[in-house]
Amino acid sequence: MESELNGLAFALLLTSLFVLRFRGWKKPWAVAAYFAFFVTLEIAASHYFMPPGAFGPGLAIVCFVLTIPVLIAAYLVWRHEQRHDESGD
């Protein structure tokens, strides 16, 4: 269970960074594919390539906490672009 939670948290953090960097709100299918790829990769790696208990539950907490400001930043960028597009029309 711990390895799945860590994989999910790490994939969520990477996906939120992808959304912020590459304006993921313009192509949600790419965000879903990116998330699915990294969840699968992280869970497979934790089951087959890392020893049990290599990362504690603290990693999931750190990743979830780091995801919050990244998503807030992505939202603020999205909102800024929306307002800029409205005023530019």
PDB file of N, CA and C in Angstrom:
ATOM      1  N   MET A   1       0.828  -1.193   0.000  1.00  0.00           N
ATOM      2  CA  MET A   1       0.000   0.000   0.000  1.00  0.00           C
ATOM      3  C   MET A   1       0.871   1.254   0.000  1.00  0.00           C
ATOM      4  N   GLU A   2       1.944   1.229   0.757  1.00  0.00           N
ATOM      5  CA  GLU A   2       2.818   2.386   0.849  1.00  0.00           C
ATOM      6  C   GLU A   2       3.463   2.711  -0.497  1.00  0.00           C
ATOM      7  N   SER A   3       3.861   1.686  -1.248  1.00  0.00           N
ATOM      8  CA  SER A   3       4.495   1.924  -2.538  1.00  0.00           C
ATOM      9  C   SER A   3       3.513   2.534  -3.534  1.00  0.00           C
ATOM     10  N   GLU A   4       2.235   2.120  -3.479  1.00  0.00           N
ATOM     11  CA  GLU A   4       1.236   2.703  -4.367  1.00  0.00           C
ATOM     12  C   GLU A   4       0.979   4.162  -4.018  1.00  0.00           C
ATOM     13  N   LEU A   5       0.930   4.448  -2.728  1.00  0.00           N
ATOM     14  CA  LEU A   5       0.695   5.825  -2.293  1.00  0.00           C
ATOM     15  C   LEU A   5       1.868   6.720  -2.687  1.00  0.00           C
ATOM     16  N   ASN A   6       3.086   6.237  -2.512  1.00  0.00           N
ATOM     17  CA  ASN A   6       4.260   7.012  -2.917  1.00  0.00           C
ATOM     18  C   ASN A   6       4.285   7.217  -4.424  1.00  0.00           C
ATOM     19  N   GLY A   7       3.956   6.188  -5.174  1.00  0.00           N
ATOM     20  CA  GLY A   7       3.912   6.314  -6.633  1.00  0.00           C
ATOM     21  C   GLY A   7       2.857   7.308  -7.083  1.00  0.00           C
ATOM     22  N   LEU A   8       1.696   7.264  -6.462  1.00  0.00           N
ATOM     23  CA  LEU A   8       0.625   8.190  -6.786  1.00  0.00           C
ATOM     24  C   LEU A   8       1.025   9.627  -6.450  1.00  0.00           C
ATOM     25  N   ALA A   9       1.622   9.823  -5.290  1.00  0.00           N
ATOM     26  CA  ALA A   9       2.019  11.167  -4.877  1.00  0.00           C
ATOM     27  C   ALA A   9       3.105  11.731  -5.783  1.00  0.00           C
ATOM     28  N   PHE A  10       4.075  10.920  -6.136  1.00  0.00           N
ATOM     29  CA  PHE A  10       5.154  11.385  -7.002  1.00  0.00           C
ATOM     30  C   PHE A  10       4.621  11.688  -8.405  1.00  0.00           C
ATOM     31  N   ALA A  11       3.746  10.830  -8.916  1.00  0.00           N
ATOM     32  CA  ALA A  11       3.159  11.065 -10.239  1.00  0.00           C
ATOM     33  C   ALA A  11       2.298  12.324 -10.242  1.00  0.00           C
ATOM     34  N   LEU A  12       1.591  12.577  -9.160  1.00  0.00           N
ATOM     35  CA  LEU A  12       0.772  13.780  -9.056  1.00  0.00           C
ATOM     36  C   LEU A  12       1.643  15.030  -9.061  1.00  0.00           C
ATOM     37  N   LEU A  13       2.754  14.988  -8.352  1.00  0.00           N
ATOM     38  CA  LEU A  13       3.665  16.127  -8.337  1.00  0.00           C
ATOM     39  C   LEU A  13       4.256  16.359  -9.731  1.00  0.00           C
ATOM     40  N   LEU A  14       4.706  15.310 -10.383  1.00  0.00           N
ATOM     41  CA  LEU A  14       5.266  15.460 -11.730  1.00  0.00           C
ATOM     42  C   LEU A  14       4.218  15.965 -12.716  1.00  0.00           C
ATOM     43  N   THR A  15       3.001  15.486 -12.593  1.00  0.00           N
ATOM     44  CA  THR A  15       1.943  15.923 -13.495  1.00  0.00           C
ATOM     45  C   THR A  15       1.595  17.388 -13.260  1.00  0.00           C
ATOM     46  N   SER A  16       1.561  17.811 -12.014  1.00  0.00           N
ATOM     47  CA  SER A  16       1.268  19.221 -11.746  1.00  0.00           C
ATOM     48  C   SER A  16       2.374  20.122 -12.298  1.00  0.00           C
ATOM     49  N   LEU A  17       3.611  19.674 -12.223  1.00  0.00           N
ATOM     50  CA  LEU A  17       4.707  20.442 -12.823  1.00  0.00           C
ATOM     51  C   LEU A  17       4.572  20.482 -14.346  1.00  0.00           C
ATOM     52  N   PHE A  18       4.132  19.380 -14.942  1.00  0.00           N
ATOM     53  CA  PHE A  18       3.887  19.338 -16.383  1.00  0.00           C
ATOM     54  C   PHE A  18       2.790  20.334 -16.768  1.00  0.00           C
ATOM     55  N   VAL A  19       1.719  20.368 -15.995  1.00  0.00           N
ATOM     56  CA  VAL A  19       0.615  21.291 -16.268  1.00  0.00           C
ATOM     57  C   VAL A  19       1.105  22.732 -16.205  1.00  0.00           C
ATOM     58  N   LEU A  20       1.893  23.049 -15.212  1.00  0.00           N
ATOM     59  CA  LEU A  20       2.393  24.412 -15.068  1.00  0.00           C
ATOM     60  C   LEU A  20       3.359  24.781 -16.192  1.00  0.00           C
ATOM     61  N   ARG A  21       4.279  23.903 -16.503  1.00  0.00           N
ATOM     62  CA  ARG A  21       5.317  24.223 -17.486  1.00  0.00           C
ATOM     63  C   ARG A  21       4.798  24.244 -18.912  1.00  0.00           C
ATOM     64  N   PHE A  22       3.952  23.284 -19.273  1.00  0.00           N
ATOM     65  CA  PHE A  22       3.528  23.137 -20.658  1.00  0.00           C
ATOM     66  C   PHE A  22       2.062  23.516 -20.888  1.00  0.00           C
ATOM     67  N   ARG A  23       1.480  24.293 -19.972  1.00  0.00           N
ATOM     68  CA  ARG A  23       0.105  24.751 -20.101  1.00  0.00           C
ATOM     69  C   ARG A  23      -0.836  23.582 -20.376  1.00  0.00           C
ATOM     70  N   GLY A  24      -0.824  22.637 -19.454  1.00  0.00           N
ATOM     71  CA  GLY A  24      -1.582  21.404 -19.611  1.00  0.00           C
ATOM     72  C   GLY A  24      -3.077  21.591 -19.738  1.00  0.00           C
ATOM     73  N   TRP A  25      -3.615  22.721 -19.305  1.00  0.00           N
ATOM     74  CA  TRP A  25      -5.055  22.945 -19.415  1.00  0.00           C
ATOM     75  C   TRP A  25      -5.488  23.084 -20.877  1.00  0.00           C
ATOM     76  N   LYS A  26      -4.540  23.265 -21.789  1.00  0.00           N
ATOM     77  CA  LYS A  26      -4.875  23.358 -23.206  1.00  0.00           C
ATOM     78  C   LYS A  26      -5.006  21.976 -23.846  1.00  0.00           C
ATOM     79  N   LYS A  27      -4.421  20.961 -23.239  1.00  0.00           N
ATOM     80  CA  LYS A  27      -4.499  19.597 -23.772  1.00  0.00           C
ATOM     81  C   LYS A  27      -4.639  18.596 -22.628  1.00  0.00           C
ATOM     82  N   PRO A  28      -5.856  18.450 -22.114  1.00  0.00           N
ATOM     83  CA  PRO A  28      -6.070  17.567 -20.956  1.00  0.00           C
ATOM     84  C   PRO A  28      -5.778  16.102 -21.241  1.00  0.00           C
ATOM     85  N   TRP A  29      -5.902  15.657 -22.472  1.00  0.00           N
ATOM     86  CA  TRP A  29      -5.583  14.268 -22.809  1.00  0.00           C
ATOM     87  C   TRP A  29      -4.101  13.990 -22.556  1.00  0.00           C
ATOM     88  N   ALA A  30      -3.246  14.968 -22.810  1.00  0.00           N
ATOM     89  CA  ALA A  30      -1.813  14.789 -22.568  1.00  0.00           C
ATOM     90  C   ALA A  30      -1.534  14.713 -21.068  1.00  0.00           C
ATOM     91  N   VAL A  31      -2.256  15.478 -20.282  1.00  0.00           N
ATOM     92  CA  VAL A  31      -2.098  15.444 -18.826  1.00  0.00           C
ATOM     93  C   VAL A  31      -2.502  14.078 -18.288  1.00  0.00           C
ATOM     94  N   ALA A  32      -3.620  13.557 -18.775  1.00  0.00           N
ATOM     95  CA  ALA A  32      -4.084  12.233 -18.337  1.00  0.00           C
ATOM     96  C   ALA A  32      -3.091  11.144 -18.735  1.00  0.00           C
ATOM     97  N   ALA A  33      -2.565  11.226 -19.945  1.00  0.00           N
ATOM     98  CA  ALA A  33      -1.581  10.236 -20.402  1.00  0.00           C
ATOM     99  C   ALA A  33      -0.296  10.339 -19.594  1.00  0.00           C
ATOM    100  N   TYR A  34       0.154  11.548 -19.319  1.00  0.00           N
ATOM    101  CA  TYR A  34       1.367  11.775 -18.528  1.00  0.00           C
ATOM    102  C   TYR A  34       1.199  11.201 -17.125  1.00  0.00           C
ATOM    103  N   PHE A  35       0.050  11.473 -16.512  1.00  0.00           N
ATOM    104  CA  PHE A  35      -0.219  10.963 -15.171  1.00  0.00           C
ATOM    105  C   PHE A  35      -0.262   9.436 -15.157  1.00  0.00           C
ATOM    106  N   ALA A  36      -0.982   8.853 -16.106  1.00  0.00           N
ATOM    107  CA  ALA A  36      -1.086   7.392 -16.169  1.00  0.00           C
ATOM    108  C   ALA A  36       0.279   6.748 -16.378  1.00  0.00           C
ATOM    109  N   PHE A  37       1.087   7.339 -17.236  1.00  0.00           N
ATOM    110  CA  PHE A  37       2.426   6.813 -17.485  1.00  0.00           C
ATOM    111  C   PHE A  37       3.273   6.827 -16.219  1.00  0.00           C
ATOM    112  N   PHE A  38       3.283   7.939 -15.505  1.00  0.00           N
ATOM    113  CA  PHE A  38       4.132   8.026 -14.322  1.00  0.00           C
ATOM    114  C   PHE A  38       3.601   7.217 -13.144  1.00  0.00           C
ATOM    115  N   VAL A  39       2.295   7.087 -13.005  1.00  0.00           N
ATOM    116  CA  VAL A  39       1.762   6.222 -11.946  1.00  0.00           C
ATOM    117  C   VAL A  39       2.197   4.788 -12.205  1.00  0.00           C
ATOM    118  N   THR A  40       2.031   4.356 -13.443  1.00  0.00           N
ATOM    119  CA  THR A  40       2.428   2.994 -13.808  1.00  0.00           C
ATOM    120  C   THR A  40       3.918   2.777 -13.603  1.00  0.00           C
ATOM    121  N   LEU A  41       4.714   3.723 -14.053  1.00  0.00           N
ATOM    122  CA  LEU A  41       6.169   3.623 -13.926  1.00  0.00           C
ATOM    123  C   LEU A  41       6.603   3.592 -12.464  1.00  0.00           C
ATOM    124  N   GLU A  42       6.057   4.467 -11.657  1.00  0.00           N
ATOM    125  CA  GLU A  42       6.446   4.538 -10.242  1.00  0.00           C
ATOM    126  C   GLU A  42       6.035   3.290  -9.464  1.00  0.00           C
ATOM    127  N   ILE A  43       4.837   2.812  -9.699  1.00  0.00           N
ATOM    128  CA  ILE A  43       4.377   1.629  -8.981  1.00  0.00           C
ATOM    129  C   ILE A  43       5.161   0.399  -9.418  1.00  0.00           C
ATOM    130  N   ALA A  44       5.413   0.266 -10.716  1.00  0.00           N
ATOM    131  CA  ALA A  44       6.217  -0.860 -11.201  1.00  0.00           C
ATOM    132  C   ALA A  44       7.632  -0.799 -10.648  1.00  0.00           C
ATOM    133  N   ALA A  45       8.210   0.380 -10.624  1.00  0.00           N
ATOM    134  CA  ALA A  45       9.568   0.521 -10.097  1.00  0.00           C
ATOM    135  C   ALA A  45       9.618   0.178  -8.609  1.00  0.00           C
ATOM    136  N   SER A  46       8.609   0.596  -7.862  1.00  0.00           N
ATOM    137  CA  SER A  46       8.631   0.314  -6.423  1.00  0.00           C
ATOM    138  C   SER A  46       8.414  -1.167  -6.130  1.00  0.00           C
ATOM    139  N   HIS A  47       7.678  -1.855  -6.988  1.00  0.00           N
ATOM    140  CA  HIS A  47       7.435  -3.279  -6.762  1.00  0.00           C
ATOM    141  C   HIS A  47       8.593  -4.165  -7.233  1.00  0.00           C
ATOM    142  N   TYR A  48       9.219  -3.790  -8.342  1.00  0.00           N
ATOM    143  CA  TYR A  48      10.198  -4.686  -8.962  1.00  0.00           C
ATOM    144  C   TYR A  48      11.654  -4.260  -8.814  1.00  0.00           C
ATOM    145  N   PHE A  49      11.921  -2.983  -8.583  1.00  0.00           N
ATOM    146  CA  PHE A  49      13.309  -2.528  -8.594  1.00  0.00           C
ATOM    147  C   PHE A  49      13.812  -1.950  -7.283  1.00  0.00           C
ATOM    148  N   MET A  50      12.930  -1.630  -6.367  1.00  0.00           N
ATOM    149  CA  MET A  50      13.360  -1.060  -5.087  1.00  0.00           C
ATOM    150  C   MET A  50      13.043  -2.028  -3.957  1.00  0.00           C
ATOM    151  N   PRO A  51      13.877  -2.048  -2.946  1.00  0.00           N
ATOM    152  CA  PRO A  51      13.586  -2.930  -1.811  1.00  0.00           C
ATOM    153  C   PRO A  51      12.362  -2.427  -1.038  1.00  0.00           C
ATOM    154  N   PRO A  52      11.652  -3.327  -0.398  1.00  0.00           N
ATOM    155  CA  PRO A  52      10.474  -2.911   0.386  1.00  0.00           C
ATOM    156  C   PRO A  52      10.857  -1.907   1.469  1.00  0.00           C
ATOM    157  N   GLY A  53      10.065  -0.882   1.593  1.00  0.00           N
ATOM    158  CA  GLY A  53      10.313   0.134   2.607  1.00  0.00           C
ATOM    159  C   GLY A  53      11.427   1.106   2.256  1.00  0.00           C
ATOM    160  N   ALA A  54      11.827   1.172   0.988  1.00  0.00           N
ATOM    161  CA  ALA A  54      12.904   2.072   0.582  1.00  0.00           C
ATOM    162  C   ALA A  54      12.537   3.529   0.855  1.00  0.00           C
ATOM    163  N   PHE A  55      11.301   3.871   0.604  1.00  0.00           N
ATOM    164  CA  PHE A  55      10.807   5.211   0.903  1.00  0.00           C
ATOM    165  C   PHE A  55       9.669   5.067   1.890  1.00  0.00           C
ATOM    166  N   GLY A  56       9.724   5.835   2.927  1.00  0.00           N
ATOM    167  CA  GLY A  56       8.676   5.776   3.934  1.00  0.00           C
ATOM    168  C   GLY A  56       7.463   6.577   3.509  1.00  0.00           C
ATOM    169  N   PRO A  57       6.455   6.606   4.352  1.00  0.00           N
ATOM    170  CA  PRO A  57       5.246   7.371   4.025  1.00  0.00           C
ATOM    171  C   PRO A  57       5.495   8.877   4.004  1.00  0.00           C
ATOM    172  N   GLY A  58       6.613   9.292   4.536  1.00  0.00           N
ATOM    173  CA  GLY A  58       6.952  10.716   4.524  1.00  0.00           C
ATOM    174  C   GLY A  58       7.124  11.263   3.124  1.00  0.00           C
ATOM    175  N   LEU A  59       7.574  10.424   2.195  1.00  0.00           N
ATOM    176  CA  LEU A  59       7.744  10.869   0.809  1.00  0.00           C
ATOM    177  C   LEU A  59       6.404  11.253   0.201  1.00  0.00           C
ATOM    178  N   ALA A  60       5.376  10.487   0.457  1.00  0.00           N
ATOM    179  CA  ALA A  60       4.054  10.808  -0.075  1.00  0.00           C
ATOM    180  C   ALA A  60       3.549  12.130   0.493  1.00  0.00           C
ATOM    181  N   ILE A  61       3.760  12.340   1.762  1.00  0.00           N
ATOM    182  CA  ILE A  61       3.318  13.587   2.391  1.00  0.00           C
ATOM    183  C   ILE A  61       4.043  14.772   1.781  1.00  0.00           C
ATOM    184  N   VAL A  62       5.350  14.662   1.611  1.00  0.00           N
ATOM    185  CA  VAL A  62       6.140  15.745   1.017  1.00  0.00           C
ATOM    186  C   VAL A  62       5.673  16.025  -0.410  1.00  0.00           C
ATOM    187  N   CYS A  63       5.458  14.983  -1.191  1.00  0.00           N
ATOM    188  CA  CYS A  63       5.014  15.175  -2.584  1.00  0.00           C
ATOM    189  C   CYS A  63       3.634  15.810  -2.647  1.00  0.00           C
ATOM    190  N   PHE A  64       2.718  15.367  -1.794  1.00  0.00           N
ATOM    191  CA  PHE A  64       1.383  15.958  -1.780  1.00  0.00           C
ATOM    192  C   PHE A  64       1.443  17.429  -1.360  1.00  0.00           C
ATOM    193  N   VAL A  65       2.278  17.747  -0.369  1.00  0.00           N
ATOM    194  CA  VAL A  65       2.398  19.130   0.090  1.00  0.00           C
ATOM    195  C   VAL A  65       3.031  20.003  -0.992  1.00  0.00           C
ATOM    196  N   LEU A  66       4.020  19.487  -1.695  1.00  0.00           N
ATOM    197  CA  LEU A  66       4.652  20.261  -2.770  1.00  0.00           C
ATOM    198  C   LEU A  66       3.724  20.438  -3.972  1.00  0.00           C
ATOM    199  N   THR A  67       2.786  19.545  -4.155  1.00  0.00           N
ATOM    200  CA  THR A  67       1.840  19.656  -5.265  1.00  0.00           C
ATOM    201  C   THR A  67       0.915  20.860  -5.091  1.00  0.00           C
ATOM    202  N   ILE A  68       0.571  21.180  -3.872  1.00  0.00           N
ATOM    203  CA  ILE A  68      -0.386  22.262  -3.609  1.00  0.00           C
ATOM    204  C   ILE A  68       0.095  23.607  -4.160  1.00  0.00           C
ATOM    205  N   PRO A  69       1.310  24.086  -3.841  1.00  0.00           N
ATOM    206  CA  PRO A  69       1.714  25.383  -4.405  1.00  0.00           C
ATOM    207  C   PRO A  69       1.899  25.349  -5.923  1.00  0.00           C
ATOM    208  N   VAL A  70       2.278  24.213  -6.465  1.00  0.00           N
ATOM    209  CA  VAL A  70       2.420  24.109  -7.920  1.00  0.00           C
ATOM    210  C   VAL A  70       1.053  24.251  -8.584  1.00  0.00           C
ATOM    211  N   LEU A  71       0.031  23.601  -8.036  1.00  0.00           N
ATOM    212  CA  LEU A  71      -1.316  23.721  -8.594  1.00  0.00           C
ATOM    213  C   LEU A  71      -1.872  25.130  -8.414  1.00  0.00           C
ATOM    214  N   ILE A  72      -1.564  25.773  -7.313  1.00  0.00           N
ATOM    215  CA  ILE A  72      -1.986  27.160  -7.116  1.00  0.00           C
ATOM    216  C   ILE A  72      -1.321  28.056  -8.156  1.00  0.00           C
ATOM    217  N   ALA A  73      -0.036  27.840  -8.400  1.00  0.00           N
ATOM    218  CA  ALA A  73       0.669  28.622  -9.416  1.00  0.00           C
ATOM    219  C   ALA A  73       0.090  28.373 -10.803  1.00  0.00           C
ATOM    220  N   ALA A  74      -0.236  27.123 -11.114  1.00  0.00           N
ATOM    221  CA  ALA A  74      -0.841  26.805 -12.413  1.00  0.00           C
ATOM    222  C   ALA A  74      -2.196  27.498 -12.557  1.00  0.00           C
ATOM    223  N   TYR A  75      -2.979  27.497 -11.498  1.00  0.00           N
ATOM    224  CA  TYR A  75      -4.267  28.174 -11.538  1.00  0.00           C
ATOM    225  C   TYR A  75      -4.084  29.676 -11.760  1.00  0.00           C
ATOM    226  N   LEU A  76      -3.128  30.287 -11.072  1.00  0.00           N
ATOM    227  CA  LEU A  76      -2.893  31.723 -11.227  1.00  0.00           C
ATOM    228  C   LEU A  76      -2.413  32.066 -12.639  1.00  0.00           C
ATOM    229  N   VAL A  77      -1.582  31.223 -13.213  1.00  0.00           N
ATOM    230  CA  VAL A  77      -1.134  31.444 -14.593  1.00  0.00           C
ATOM    231  C   VAL A  77      -2.312  31.308 -15.552  1.00  0.00           C
ATOM    232  N   TRP A  78      -3.131  30.286 -15.347  1.00  0.00           N
ATOM    233  CA  TRP A  78      -4.310  30.091 -16.190  1.00  0.00           C
ATOM    234  C   TRP A  78      -5.238  31.292 -16.102  1.00  0.00           C
ATOM    235  N   ARG A  79      -5.488  31.766 -14.883  1.00  0.00           N
ATOM    236  CA  ARG A  79      -6.373  32.918 -14.683  1.00  0.00           C
ATOM    237  C   ARG A  79      -5.793  34.168 -15.321  1.00  0.00           C
ATOM    238  N   HIS A  80      -4.491  34.356 -15.195  1.00  0.00           N
ATOM    239  CA  HIS A  80      -3.833  35.514 -15.820  1.00  0.00           C
ATOM    240  C   HIS A  80      -3.972  35.452 -17.343  1.00  0.00           C
ATOM    241  N   GLU A  81      -3.774  34.279 -17.918  1.00  0.00           N
ATOM    242  CA  GLU A  81      -3.919  34.135 -19.368  1.00  0.00           C
ATOM    243  C   GLU A  81      -5.355  34.364 -19.814  1.00  0.00           C
ATOM    244  N   GLN A  82      -6.326  33.906 -19.035  1.00  0.00           N
ATOM    245  CA  GLN A  82      -7.730  34.128 -19.369  1.00  0.00           C
ATOM    246  C   GLN A  82      -8.045  35.616 -19.367  1.00  0.00           C
ATOM    247  N   ARG A  83      -7.589  36.329 -18.356  1.00  0.00           N
ATOM    248  CA  ARG A  83      -7.843  37.768 -18.282  1.00  0.00           C
ATOM    249  C   ARG A  83      -7.120  38.514 -19.389  1.00  0.00           C
ATOM    250  N   HIS A  84      -5.937  38.082 -19.703  1.00  0.00           N
ATOM    251  CA  HIS A  84      -5.163  38.720 -20.779  1.00  0.00           C
ATOM    252  C   HIS A  84      -5.859  38.520 -22.120  1.00  0.00           C
ATOM    253  N   ASP A  85      -6.390  37.326 -22.363  1.00  0.00           N
ATOM    254  CA  ASP A  85      -7.104  37.043 -23.613  1.00  0.00           C
ATOM    255  C   ASP A  85      -8.393  37.860 -23.712  1.00  0.00           C
ATOM    256  N   GLU A  86      -9.099  38.046 -22.573  1.00  0.00           N
ATOM    257  CA  GLU A  86     -10.325  38.818 -22.588  1.00  0.00           C
ATOM    258  C   GLU A  86     -10.058  40.289 -22.880  1.00  0.00           C
ATOM    259  N   SER A  87      -9.011  40.830 -22.305  1.00  0.00           N
ATOM    260  CA  SER A  87      -8.716  42.238 -22.524  1.00  0.00           C
ATOM    261  C   SER A  87      -8.099  42.479 -23.908  1.00  0.00           C
ATOM    262  N   GLY A  88      -7.521  41.467 -24.508  1.00  0.00           N
ATOM    263  CA  GLY A  88      -6.909  41.606 -25.817  1.00  0.00           C
ATOM    264  C   GLY A  88      -7.878  41.526 -26.970  1.00  0.00           C
ATOM    265  N   ASP A  89      -9.097  41.036 -26.706  1.00  0.00           N
ATOM    266  CA  ASP A  89     -10.093  40.890 -27.793  1.00  0.00           C
ATOM    267  C   ASP A  89     -10.704  42.193 -28.182  1.00  0.00           C
TER     268      ASP A  89
END
